[in-house]
Amino acid sequence: TTRPEGRPHTRPVWGVWLADGFWFSTGS
């Protein structure tokens, strides 16, 4: 994702791929 000042933010997450797309939750 992109922080407000434009710097990137990357993190590993758990998630699931369903018929409508990729679902996840994060506290990052």
PDB file of all heavy atoms in Angstrom:
ATOM      1  N   THR A   1       0.862  -1.182   0.000  1.00  0.00           N
ATOM      2  CA  THR A   1       0.000   0.000   0.000  1.00  0.00           C
ATOM      3  C   THR A   1       0.896   1.230   0.000  1.00  0.00           C
ATOM      4  O   THR A   1       2.120   1.117   0.078  1.00  0.00           O
ATOM      5  CB  THR A   1      -0.935   0.015   1.230  1.00  0.00           C
ATOM      6  OG1 THR A   1      -0.157   0.088   2.430  1.00  0.00           O
ATOM      7  CG2 THR A   1      -1.825  -1.216   1.270  1.00  0.00           C
ATOM      8  N   THR A   2       0.292   2.397  -0.073  1.00  0.00           N
ATOM      9  CA  THR A   2       1.058   3.649  -0.106  1.00  0.00           C
ATOM     10  C   THR A   2       0.696   4.511   1.090  1.00  0.00           C
ATOM     11  O   THR A   2      -0.488   4.782   1.333  1.00  0.00           O
ATOM     12  CB  THR A   2       0.766   4.410  -1.412  1.00  0.00           C
ATOM     13  OG1 THR A   2       1.031   3.547  -2.518  1.00  0.00           O
ATOM     14  CG2 THR A   2       1.634   5.651  -1.527  1.00  0.00           C
ATOM     15  N   ARG A   3       1.719   4.958   1.824  1.00  0.00           N
ATOM     16  CA  ARG A   3       1.521   5.851   2.963  1.00  0.00           C
ATOM     17  C   ARG A   3       1.117   7.237   2.449  1.00  0.00           C
ATOM     18  O   ARG A   3       1.364   7.565   1.288  1.00  0.00           O
ATOM     19  CB  ARG A   3       2.812   5.960   3.773  1.00  0.00           C
ATOM     20  CG  ARG A   3       3.270   4.649   4.348  1.00  0.00           C
ATOM     21  CD  ARG A   3       4.663   4.801   4.946  1.00  0.00           C
ATOM     22  NE  ARG A   3       5.274   3.495   5.084  1.00  0.00           N
ATOM     23  CZ  ARG A   3       5.855   3.062   6.180  1.00  0.00           C
ATOM     24  NH1 ARG A   3       5.927   3.828   7.231  1.00  0.00           N
ATOM     25  NH2 ARG A   3       6.384   1.865   6.229  1.00  0.00           N
ATOM     26  N   PRO A   4       0.520   8.069   3.306  1.00  0.00           N
ATOM     27  CA  PRO A   4       0.071   9.399   2.866  1.00  0.00           C
ATOM     28  C   PRO A   4       1.167  10.246   2.215  1.00  0.00           C
ATOM     29  O   PRO A   4       0.898  10.987   1.279  1.00  0.00           O
ATOM     30  CB  PRO A   4      -0.442  10.057   4.150  1.00  0.00           C
ATOM     31  CG  PRO A   4      -0.825   8.921   5.027  1.00  0.00           C
ATOM     32  CD  PRO A   4       0.144   7.802   4.699  1.00  0.00           C
ATOM     33  N   GLU A   5       2.410  10.133   2.674  1.00  0.00           N
ATOM     34  CA  GLU A   5       3.495  10.932   2.095  1.00  0.00           C
ATOM     35  C   GLU A   5       4.098  10.270   0.853  1.00  0.00           C
ATOM     36  O   GLU A   5       5.040  10.798   0.272  1.00  0.00           O
ATOM     37  CB  GLU A   5       4.573  11.217   3.154  1.00  0.00           C
ATOM     38  CG  GLU A   5       5.408  10.029   3.557  1.00  0.00           C
ATOM     39  CD  GLU A   5       4.750   9.116   4.603  1.00  0.00           C
ATOM     40  OE1 GLU A   5       3.585   9.336   4.996  1.00  0.00           O
ATOM     41  OE2 GLU A   5       5.404   8.158   5.024  1.00  0.00           O
ATOM     42  N   GLY A   6       3.544   9.120   0.441  1.00  0.00           N
ATOM     43  CA  GLY A   6       3.971   8.486  -0.802  1.00  0.00           C
ATOM     44  C   GLY A   6       4.936   7.317  -0.645  1.00  0.00           C
ATOM     45  O   GLY A   6       5.251   6.653  -1.620  1.00  0.00           O
ATOM     46  N   ARG A   7       5.416   7.066   0.565  1.00  0.00           N
ATOM     47  CA  ARG A   7       6.329   5.940   0.760  1.00  0.00           C
ATOM     48  C   ARG A   7       5.559   4.626   0.732  1.00  0.00           C
ATOM     49  O   ARG A   7       4.408   4.556   1.167  1.00  0.00           O
ATOM     50  CB  ARG A   7       7.062   6.063   2.100  1.00  0.00           C
ATOM     51  CG  ARG A   7       8.055   7.206   2.121  1.00  0.00           C
ATOM     52  CD  ARG A   7       8.884   7.251   3.400  1.00  0.00           C
ATOM     53  NE  ARG A   7       8.059   7.284   4.600  1.00  0.00           N
ATOM     54  CZ  ARG A   7       8.195   6.450   5.644  1.00  0.00           C
ATOM     55  NH1 ARG A   7       9.133   5.536   5.651  1.00  0.00           N
ATOM     56  NH2 ARG A   7       7.400   6.558   6.685  1.00  0.00           N
ATOM     57  N   PRO A   8       6.193   3.564   0.234  1.00  0.00           N
ATOM     58  CA  PRO A   8       5.517   2.271   0.188  1.00  0.00           C
ATOM     59  C   PRO A   8       5.443   1.617   1.563  1.00  0.00           C
ATOM     60  O   PRO A   8       6.250   1.911   2.449  1.00  0.00           O
ATOM     61  CB  PRO A   8       6.406   1.435  -0.746  1.00  0.00           C
ATOM     62  CG  PRO A   8       7.758   2.050  -0.615  1.00  0.00           C
ATOM     63  CD  PRO A   8       7.534   3.516  -0.376  1.00  0.00           C
ATOM     64  N   HIS A   9       4.477   0.754   1.722  1.00  0.00           N
ATOM     65  CA  HIS A   9       4.309  -0.050   2.935  1.00  0.00           C
ATOM     66  C   HIS A   9       3.966  -1.460   2.481  1.00  0.00           C
ATOM     67  O   HIS A   9       2.970  -1.668   1.794  1.00  0.00           O
ATOM     68  CB  HIS A   9       3.175   0.526   3.795  1.00  0.00           C
ATOM     69  CG  HIS A   9       2.865  -0.309   4.995  1.00  0.00           C
ATOM     70  ND1 HIS A   9       1.849  -1.225   5.012  1.00  0.00           N
ATOM     71  CD2 HIS A   9       3.447  -0.371   6.218  1.00  0.00           C
ATOM     72  CE1 HIS A   9       1.818  -1.813   6.201  1.00  0.00           C
ATOM     73  NE2 HIS A   9       2.776  -1.310   6.945  1.00  0.00           N
ATOM     74  N   THR A  10       4.809  -2.433   2.824  1.00  0.00           N
ATOM     75  CA  THR A  10       4.543  -3.828   2.456  1.00  0.00           C
ATOM     76  C   THR A  10       4.546  -4.692   3.709  1.00  0.00           C
ATOM     77  O   THR A  10       5.314  -4.453   4.638  1.00  0.00           O
ATOM     78  CB  THR A  10       5.587  -4.372   1.458  1.00  0.00           C
ATOM     79  OG1 THR A  10       6.886  -4.270   2.047  1.00  0.00           O
ATOM     80  CG2 THR A  10       5.557  -3.598   0.158  1.00  0.00           C
ATOM     81  N   ARG A  11       3.678  -5.700   3.715  1.00  0.00           N
ATOM     82  CA  ARG A  11       3.569  -6.612   4.842  1.00  0.00           C
ATOM     83  C   ARG A  11       3.030  -7.952   4.361  1.00  0.00           C
ATOM     84  O   ARG A  11       2.213  -8.002   3.454  1.00  0.00           O
ATOM     85  CB  ARG A  11       2.594  -6.087   5.902  1.00  0.00           C
ATOM     86  CG  ARG A  11       3.055  -4.880   6.654  1.00  0.00           C
ATOM     87  CD  ARG A  11       4.281  -5.217   7.529  1.00  0.00           C
ATOM     88  NE  ARG A  11       4.715  -4.066   8.275  1.00  0.00           N
ATOM     89  CZ  ARG A  11       5.583  -3.154   7.844  1.00  0.00           C
ATOM     90  NH1 ARG A  11       6.086  -3.233   6.643  1.00  0.00           N
ATOM     91  NH2 ARG A  11       5.944  -2.155   8.618  1.00  0.00           N
ATOM     92  N   PRO A  12       3.455  -9.038   5.038  1.00  0.00           N
ATOM     93  CA  PRO A  12       2.800 -10.322   4.777  1.00  0.00           C
ATOM     94  C   PRO A  12       1.486 -10.386   5.548  1.00  0.00           C
ATOM     95  O   PRO A  12       1.385  -9.830   6.653  1.00  0.00           O
ATOM     96  CB  PRO A  12       3.807 -11.344   5.320  1.00  0.00           C
ATOM     97  CG  PRO A  12       4.562 -10.603   6.388  1.00  0.00           C
ATOM     98  CD  PRO A  12       4.588  -9.155   5.954  1.00  0.00           C
ATOM     99  N   VAL A  13       0.496 -11.003   4.955  1.00  0.00           N
ATOM    100  CA  VAL A  13      -0.802 -11.187   5.610  1.00  0.00           C
ATOM    101  C   VAL A  13      -1.330 -12.575   5.283  1.00  0.00           C
ATOM    102  O   VAL A  13      -0.913 -13.209   4.320  1.00  0.00           O
ATOM    103  CB  VAL A  13      -1.854 -10.127   5.159  1.00  0.00           C
ATOM    104  CG1 VAL A  13      -1.449  -8.721   5.552  1.00  0.00           C
ATOM    105  CG2 VAL A  13      -2.150 -10.225   3.672  1.00  0.00           C
ATOM    106  N   TRP A  14      -2.259 -13.023   6.102  1.00  0.00           N
ATOM    107  CA  TRP A  14      -3.058 -14.195   5.771  1.00  0.00           C
ATOM    108  C   TRP A  14      -4.320 -13.696   5.080  1.00  0.00           C
ATOM    109  O   TRP A  14      -4.803 -12.590   5.353  1.00  0.00           O
ATOM    110  CB  TRP A  14      -3.464 -14.946   7.023  1.00  0.00           C
ATOM    111  CG  TRP A  14      -2.379 -15.763   7.660  1.00  0.00           C
ATOM    112  CD1 TRP A  14      -1.119 -15.984   7.201  1.00  0.00           C
ATOM    113  CD2 TRP A  14      -2.483 -16.476   8.886  1.00  0.00           C
ATOM    114  NE1 TRP A  14      -0.435 -16.786   8.062  1.00  0.00           N
ATOM    115  CE2 TRP A  14      -1.253 -17.102   9.115  1.00  0.00           C
ATOM    116  CE3 TRP A  14      -3.497 -16.631   9.826  1.00  0.00           C
ATOM    117  CZ2 TRP A  14      -1.006 -17.888  10.224  1.00  0.00           C
ATOM    118  CZ3 TRP A  14      -3.260 -17.417  10.930  1.00  0.00           C
ATOM    119  CH2 TRP A  14      -2.030 -18.042  11.132  1.00  0.00           C
ATOM    120  N   GLY A  15      -4.843 -14.499   4.189  1.00  0.00           N
ATOM    121  CA  GLY A  15      -6.064 -14.123   3.496  1.00  0.00           C
ATOM    122  C   GLY A  15      -6.646 -15.287   2.736  1.00  0.00           C
ATOM    123  O   GLY A  15      -6.096 -16.392   2.749  1.00  0.00           O
ATOM    124  N   VAL A  16      -7.747 -15.036   2.082  1.00  0.00           N
ATOM    125  CA  VAL A  16      -8.411 -16.073   1.278  1.00  0.00           C
ATOM    126  C   VAL A  16      -8.835 -15.489  -0.065  1.00  0.00           C
ATOM    127  O   VAL A  16      -9.253 -14.334  -0.162  1.00  0.00           O
ATOM    128  CB  VAL A  16      -9.636 -16.684   2.006  1.00  0.00           C
ATOM    129  CG1 VAL A  16      -9.192 -17.455   3.238  1.00  0.00           C
ATOM    130  CG2 VAL A  16     -10.662 -15.649   2.378  1.00  0.00           C
ATOM    131  N   TRP A  17      -8.689 -16.297  -1.085  1.00  0.00           N
ATOM    132  CA  TRP A  17      -9.157 -15.953  -2.422  1.00  0.00           C
ATOM    133  C   TRP A  17     -10.516 -16.600  -2.601  1.00  0.00           C
ATOM    134  O   TRP A  17     -10.647 -17.824  -2.524  1.00  0.00           O
ATOM    135  CB  TRP A  17      -8.178 -16.458  -3.481  1.00  0.00           C
ATOM    136  CG  TRP A  17      -8.598 -16.080  -4.864  1.00  0.00           C
ATOM    137  CD1 TRP A  17      -9.272 -16.874  -5.755  1.00  0.00           C
ATOM    138  CD2 TRP A  17      -8.395 -14.829  -5.513  1.00  0.00           C
ATOM    139  NE1 TRP A  17      -9.510 -16.175  -6.914  1.00  0.00           N
ATOM    140  CE2 TRP A  17      -8.985 -14.915  -6.797  1.00  0.00           C
ATOM    141  CE3 TRP A  17      -7.788 -13.639  -5.144  1.00  0.00           C
ATOM    142  CZ2 TRP A  17      -8.961 -13.870  -7.700  1.00  0.00           C
ATOM    143  CZ3 TRP A  17      -7.766 -12.598  -6.041  1.00  0.00           C
ATOM    144  CH2 TRP A  17      -8.350 -12.714  -7.302  1.00  0.00           C
ATOM    145  N   LEU A  18     -11.548 -15.771  -2.799  1.00  0.00           N
ATOM    146  CA  LEU A  18     -12.908 -16.256  -3.019  1.00  0.00           C
ATOM    147  C   LEU A  18     -13.364 -15.819  -4.409  1.00  0.00           C
ATOM    148  O   LEU A  18     -12.639 -15.123  -5.119  1.00  0.00           O
ATOM    149  CB  LEU A  18     -13.842 -15.719  -1.936  1.00  0.00           C
ATOM    150  CG  LEU A  18     -13.500 -16.151  -0.496  1.00  0.00           C
ATOM    151  CD1 LEU A  18     -14.414 -15.464   0.510  1.00  0.00           C
ATOM    152  CD2 LEU A  18     -13.584 -17.665  -0.357  1.00  0.00           C
ATOM    153  N   ALA A  19     -14.575 -16.178  -4.780  1.00  0.00           N
ATOM    154  CA  ALA A  19     -15.079 -15.892  -6.125  1.00  0.00           C
ATOM    155  C   ALA A  19     -15.106 -14.402  -6.450  1.00  0.00           C
ATOM    156  O   ALA A  19     -15.026 -14.019  -7.620  1.00  0.00           O
ATOM    157  CB  ALA A  19     -16.484 -16.480  -6.291  1.00  0.00           C
ATOM    158  N   ASP A  20     -15.187 -13.547  -5.420  1.00  0.00           N
ATOM    159  CA  ASP A  20     -15.269 -12.105  -5.670  1.00  0.00           C
ATOM    160  C   ASP A  20     -13.960 -11.368  -5.457  1.00  0.00           C
ATOM    161  O   ASP A  20     -13.904 -10.152  -5.596  1.00  0.00           O
ATOM    162  CB  ASP A  20     -16.377 -11.468  -4.833  1.00  0.00           C
ATOM    163  CG  ASP A  20     -16.252 -11.758  -3.342  1.00  0.00           C
ATOM    164  OD1 ASP A  20     -15.398 -12.578  -2.946  1.00  0.00           O
ATOM    165  OD2 ASP A  20     -17.022 -11.169  -2.562  1.00  0.00           O
ATOM    166  N   GLY A  21     -12.867 -12.070  -5.123  1.00  0.00           N
ATOM    167  CA  GLY A  21     -11.565 -11.428  -4.980  1.00  0.00           C
ATOM    168  C   GLY A  21     -10.812 -11.909  -3.762  1.00  0.00           C
ATOM    169  O   GLY A  21     -11.121 -12.949  -3.182  1.00  0.00           O
ATOM    170  N   PHE A  22      -9.814 -11.124  -3.349  1.00  0.00           N
ATOM    171  CA  PHE A  22      -8.939 -11.464  -2.233  1.00  0.00           C
ATOM    172  C   PHE A  22      -9.405 -10.757  -0.963  1.00  0.00           C
ATOM    173  O   PHE A  22      -9.552  -9.536  -0.939  1.00  0.00           O
ATOM    174  CB  PHE A  22      -7.494 -11.053  -2.551  1.00  0.00           C
ATOM    175  CG  PHE A  22      -6.542 -11.292  -1.425  1.00  0.00           C
ATOM    176  CD1 PHE A  22      -6.228 -12.587  -1.034  1.00  0.00           C
ATOM    177  CD2 PHE A  22      -5.969 -10.239  -0.742  1.00  0.00           C
ATOM    178  CE1 PHE A  22      -5.361 -12.831   0.019  1.00  0.00           C
ATOM    179  CE2 PHE A  22      -5.091 -10.453   0.307  1.00  0.00           C
ATOM    180  CZ  PHE A  22      -4.789 -11.759   0.692  1.00  0.00           C
ATOM    181  N   TRP A  23      -9.623 -11.523   0.091  1.00  0.00           N
ATOM    182  CA  TRP A  23     -10.079 -11.018   1.377  1.00  0.00           C
ATOM    183  C   TRP A  23      -8.955 -11.142   2.394  1.00  0.00           C
ATOM    184  O   TRP A  23      -8.287 -12.176   2.459  1.00  0.00           O
ATOM    185  CB  TRP A  23     -11.253 -11.843   1.879  1.00  0.00           C
ATOM    186  CG  TRP A  23     -12.533 -11.639   1.137  1.00  0.00           C
ATOM    187  CD1 TRP A  23     -12.890 -12.203  -0.060  1.00  0.00           C
ATOM    188  CD2 TRP A  23     -13.639 -10.852   1.554  1.00  0.00           C
ATOM    189  NE1 TRP A  23     -14.151 -11.797  -0.407  1.00  0.00           N
ATOM    190  CE2 TRP A  23     -14.632 -10.971   0.576  1.00  0.00           C
ATOM    191  CE3 TRP A  23     -13.877 -10.064   2.672  1.00  0.00           C
ATOM    192  CZ2 TRP A  23     -15.851 -10.325   0.675  1.00  0.00           C
ATOM    193  CZ3 TRP A  23     -15.088  -9.418   2.777  1.00  0.00           C
ATOM    194  CH2 TRP A  23     -16.069  -9.557   1.779  1.00  0.00           C
ATOM    195  N   PHE A  24      -8.768 -10.106   3.224  1.00  0.00           N
ATOM    196  CA  PHE A  24      -7.770 -10.173   4.285  1.00  0.00           C
ATOM    197  C   PHE A  24      -8.125  -9.165   5.370  1.00  0.00           C
ATOM    198  O   PHE A  24      -8.983  -8.306   5.202  1.00  0.00           O
ATOM    199  CB  PHE A  24      -6.357  -9.893   3.747  1.00  0.00           C
ATOM    200  CG  PHE A  24      -6.107  -8.458   3.386  1.00  0.00           C
ATOM    201  CD1 PHE A  24      -5.403  -7.621   4.247  1.00  0.00           C
ATOM    202  CD2 PHE A  24      -6.560  -7.924   2.187  1.00  0.00           C
ATOM    203  CE1 PHE A  24      -5.165  -6.289   3.918  1.00  0.00           C
ATOM    204  CE2 PHE A  24      -6.327  -6.598   1.848  1.00  0.00           C
ATOM    205  CZ  PHE A  24      -5.631  -5.780   2.720  1.00  0.00           C
ATOM    206  N   SER A  25      -7.435  -9.290   6.493  1.00  0.00           N
ATOM    207  CA  SER A  25      -7.535  -8.329   7.571  1.00  0.00           C
ATOM    208  C   SER A  25      -6.127  -8.071   8.067  1.00  0.00           C
ATOM    209  O   SER A  25      -5.265  -8.954   7.981  1.00  0.00           O
ATOM    210  CB  SER A  25      -8.404  -8.884   8.703  1.00  0.00           C
ATOM    211  OG  SER A  25      -8.511  -7.930   9.748  1.00  0.00           O
ATOM    212  N   THR A  26      -5.873  -6.869   8.566  1.00  0.00           N
ATOM    213  CA  THR A  26      -4.538  -6.536   9.054  1.00  0.00           C
ATOM    214  C   THR A  26      -4.607  -5.468  10.120  1.00  0.00           C
ATOM    215  O   THR A  26      -5.499  -4.631  10.107  1.00  0.00           O
ATOM    216  CB  THR A  26      -3.624  -6.063   7.894  1.00  0.00           C
ATOM    217  OG1 THR A  26      -2.310  -5.826   8.394  1.00  0.00           O
ATOM    218  CG2 THR A  26      -4.153  -4.810   7.234  1.00  0.00           C
ATOM    219  N   GLY A  27      -3.644  -5.530  11.027  1.00  0.00           N
ATOM    220  CA  GLY A  27      -3.488  -4.482  12.027  1.00  0.00           C
ATOM    221  C   GLY A  27      -2.341  -3.561  11.669  1.00  0.00           C
ATOM    222  O   GLY A  27      -2.004  -2.649  12.402  1.00  0.00           O
ATOM    223  N   SER A  28      -1.724  -3.774  10.494  1.00  0.00           N
ATOM    224  CA  SER A  28      -0.573  -2.977  10.069  1.00  0.00           C
ATOM    225  C   SER A  28      -1.011  -1.586   9.602  1.00  0.00           C
ATOM    226  O   SER A  28      -2.198  -1.269   9.572  1.00  0.00           O
ATOM    227  CB  SER A  28       0.188  -3.686   8.949  1.00  0.00           C
ATOM    228  OG  SER A  28      -0.493  -3.555   7.719  1.00  0.00           O
TER     229      SER A  28
END
